């Protein structure tokens, strides 16, 4: 589990993130979106099954520039569900 938690830069600001290379989607907390001052697209949503097997709907999506701290070559734009 140690290698799955990494420091990342989201639009240049540092956060801790769970890196799941097998995930089909990226997720981000609405609190982080608000703190970064980003705007999401509410027209693109998805049904999400949570760990307790309950379902919820994403509020929307947005694109964020992401880099793993200390790996400048890792910078890319990624779509996140909120």
Protein backbone atom coordinates (compact mmCIF):
# COMPACT_ATOMS: atom_id res chain seq x y z
CA UNK A 1 0.00 0.00 0.00
CA UNK A 2 2.96 2.30 0.60
CA UNK A 3 3.54 2.88 -3.12
CA UNK A 4 -0.11 3.63 -3.87
CA UNK A 5 -0.19 6.90 -1.90
CA UNK A 6 1.83 9.63 -3.60
CA UNK A 7 2.23 13.38 -3.43
CA UNK A 8 0.80 14.91 -6.60
CA UNK A 9 0.49 18.39 -8.01
CA UNK A 10 -3.01 19.35 -9.15
CA UNK A 11 -2.85 22.59 -11.11
CA UNK A 12 0.43 23.25 -9.29
CA UNK A 13 -0.88 22.65 -5.75
CA UNK A 14 0.31 19.68 -3.67
CA UNK A 15 -2.08 16.95 -2.47
CA UNK A 16 -1.88 13.32 -1.33
CA UNK A 17 -3.47 10.94 -3.81
CA UNK A 18 -4.23 7.25 -4.09
CA UNK A 19 -2.71 5.99 -7.34
CA UNK A 20 -4.78 3.09 -8.71
CA UNK A 21 -3.35 2.06 -12.06
CA UNK A 22 -6.21 -0.39 -12.60
CA UNK A 23 -9.01 2.14 -12.14
CA UNK A 24 -11.25 2.91 -15.09
CA UNK A 25 -12.01 6.46 -13.85
CA UNK A 26 -10.36 9.19 -11.79
CA UNK A 27 -12.23 10.73 -8.85
CA UNK A 28 -11.72 13.90 -6.85
CA UNK A 29 -13.48 15.33 -3.81
CA UNK A 30 -15.72 18.34 -4.37
CA UNK A 31 -13.89 20.12 -1.52
CA UNK A 32 -10.62 19.94 -3.50
CA UNK A 33 -12.36 21.19 -6.64
CA UNK A 34 -13.75 24.16 -4.69
CA UNK A 35 -10.37 24.89 -3.06
CA UNK A 36 -8.70 24.92 -6.48
CA UNK A 37 -11.45 27.21 -7.79
CA UNK A 38 -12.30 24.85 -10.67
CA UNK A 39 -15.59 24.54 -12.52
CA UNK A 40 -17.04 21.15 -13.33
CA UNK A 41 -19.14 20.09 -16.31
CA UNK A 42 -22.46 18.94 -14.79
CA UNK A 43 -23.60 17.52 -18.15
CA UNK A 44 -21.14 14.63 -18.01
CA UNK A 45 -21.93 12.34 -15.09
CA UNK A 46 -21.67 8.64 -14.27
CA UNK A 47 -23.16 6.11 -11.88
CA UNK A 48 -20.55 5.06 -9.33
CA UNK A 49 -20.61 1.95 -7.13
CA UNK A 50 -18.95 2.64 -3.78
CA UNK A 51 -16.95 0.21 -1.61
CA UNK A 52 -20.08 -0.59 0.45
CA UNK A 53 -21.84 -1.51 -2.86
CA UNK A 54 -24.19 1.48 -2.66
CA UNK A 55 -24.58 3.58 -5.80
CA UNK A 56 -24.28 7.31 -6.30
CA UNK A 57 -24.04 9.65 -9.24
CA UNK A 58 -21.02 11.85 -9.93
CA UNK A 59 -21.79 15.59 -9.90
CA UNK A 60 -19.89 16.07 -13.16
CA UNK A 61 -16.39 16.04 -14.61
CA UNK A 62 -13.45 18.35 -15.10
CA UNK A 63 -9.95 18.23 -16.53
CA UNK A 64 -6.96 18.89 -14.26
CA UNK A 65 -3.24 19.06 -14.95
CA UNK A 66 -1.66 16.36 -12.76
CA UNK A 67 1.97 15.52 -12.01
CA UNK A 68 3.54 13.15 -9.51
CA UNK A 69 5.75 15.26 -7.25
CA UNK A 70 9.41 14.79 -8.14
CA UNK A 71 8.59 13.34 -11.60
CA UNK A 72 8.37 16.27 -14.01
CA UNK A 73 7.87 13.92 -16.97
CA UNK A 74 4.63 12.63 -15.39
CA UNK A 75 2.69 15.85 -16.08
CA UNK A 76 -0.53 15.28 -18.05
CA UNK A 77 -4.13 16.44 -18.27
CA UNK A 78 -6.59 13.96 -16.72
CA UNK A 79 -10.37 13.85 -16.56
CA UNK A 80 -11.83 13.51 -13.06
CA UNK A 81 -15.33 12.70 -11.85
CA UNK A 82 -16.50 14.78 -8.90
